[in-house]
């Protein structure tokens, strides 16, 4: 099993009850329309890998459509390598 890493450097997310963290693809809003932009995917992958996340974890974060937010509960976040703790 992979060691879970905090979401942003040394910060660990604390989630209460049914809480989760939401991800969506990078996007731009033009005239009220949201369009995915993949121009910065490489930079985001590089940044996430610099924080110690695996390529697979970065793919899960980057490859969520921009049109929706994919909420991931604590168990799922831990399974993809993101450290979360219960909210006190």
Protein backbone atom coordinates (compact mmCIF):
# COMPACT_ATOMS: atom_id res chain seq x y z
CA UNK A 1 0.00 0.00 0.00
CA UNK A 2 1.23 3.48 -0.85
CA UNK A 3 1.85 5.97 1.91
CA UNK A 4 -0.81 8.66 1.76
CA UNK A 5 0.51 12.19 1.25
CA UNK A 6 -1.08 15.44 2.45
CA UNK A 7 -3.02 17.24 -0.27
CA UNK A 8 -0.91 20.42 -0.28
CA UNK A 9 2.62 19.90 0.97
CA UNK A 10 2.50 19.21 4.68
CA UNK A 11 -1.16 20.14 5.14
CA UNK A 12 -3.49 17.27 5.98
CA UNK A 13 -7.17 17.68 5.17
CA UNK A 14 -9.59 17.07 8.03
CA UNK A 15 -12.96 15.83 6.84
CA UNK A 16 -16.07 15.57 8.95
CA UNK A 17 -18.82 13.01 8.54
CA UNK A 18 -19.77 12.79 4.88
CA UNK A 19 -17.15 15.37 3.83
CA UNK A 20 -15.03 15.02 0.75
CA UNK A 21 -12.63 16.87 -1.51
CA UNK A 22 -13.83 17.85 -4.97
CA UNK A 23 -11.76 17.74 -8.14
CA UNK A 24 -12.41 18.90 -11.69
CA UNK A 25 -10.30 19.45 -14.79
CA UNK A 26 -8.58 22.75 -15.45
CA UNK A 27 -10.94 25.02 -17.35
CA UNK A 28 -11.57 28.52 -18.60
CA UNK A 29 -14.85 30.39 -18.57
CA UNK A 30 -15.60 32.31 -21.76
CA UNK A 31 -18.90 34.10 -22.17
CA UNK A 32 -20.57 31.99 -19.49
CA UNK A 33 -19.36 28.72 -21.03
CA UNK A 34 -16.87 26.47 -19.26
CA UNK A 35 -14.34 24.78 -21.51
CA UNK A 36 -11.70 22.29 -20.46
CA UNK A 37 -8.17 23.34 -21.15
CA UNK A 38 -5.43 20.77 -21.18
CA UNK A 39 -2.64 23.25 -21.83
CA UNK A 40 -1.55 23.22 -18.17
CA UNK A 41 -2.06 19.49 -17.44
CA UNK A 42 1.69 18.84 -17.71
CA UNK A 43 2.48 21.66 -15.27
CA UNK A 44 -0.14 20.35 -12.82
CA UNK A 45 1.26 16.80 -13.09
CA UNK A 46 4.76 18.19 -12.47
CA UNK A 47 3.59 20.19 -9.43
CA UNK A 48 1.74 17.21 -7.94
CA UNK A 49 4.73 14.95 -8.52
CA UNK A 50 6.92 17.55 -6.76
CA UNK A 51 4.61 17.17 -3.76
CA UNK A 52 5.28 13.41 -3.88
CA UNK A 53 2.09 12.17 -5.53
CA UNK A 54 2.22 9.26 -7.95
CA UNK A 55 1.45 9.64 -11.64
CA UNK A 56 -1.77 7.66 -11.08
CA UNK A 57 -2.94 10.02 -8.33
CA UNK A 58 -2.20 13.04 -10.53
CA UNK A 59 -4.17 11.42 -13.39
CA UNK A 60 -7.20 10.93 -11.17
CA UNK A 61 -7.09 14.60 -10.18
CA UNK A 62 -6.48 15.94 -13.71
CA UNK A 63 -8.81 13.62 -15.63
CA UNK A 64 -12.09 14.62 -14.04
CA UNK A 65 -14.33 16.55 -16.47
CA UNK A 66 -14.49 20.33 -16.01
CA UNK A 67 -18.29 20.27 -16.25
CA UNK A 68 -18.69 18.49 -12.90
CA UNK A 69 -16.97 18.36 -9.54
CA UNK A 70 -16.09 14.78 -8.57
CA UNK A 71 -16.38 14.62 -4.79
CA UNK A 72 -14.20 11.93 -3.24
CA UNK A 73 -14.84 10.74 0.33
CA UNK A 74 -12.05 10.11 2.83
CA UNK A 75 -11.76 6.37 2.13
CA UNK A 76 -11.40 6.94 -1.61
CA UNK A 77 -8.88 9.77 -1.06
CA UNK A 78 -6.73 7.51 1.11
CA UNK A 79 -6.92 4.77 -1.52
CA UNK A 80 -5.50 7.10 -4.17
CA UNK A 81 -2.74 8.30 -1.85
CA UNK A 82 -4.11 11.54 -0.37
CA UNK A 83 -3.85 11.82 3.41
CA UNK A 84 -7.04 12.83 5.21
CA UNK A 85 -7.95 12.61 8.86
CA UNK A 86 -11.32 12.79 10.63
CA UNK A 87 -12.40 16.25 11.72
CA UNK A 88 -12.13 16.44 15.52
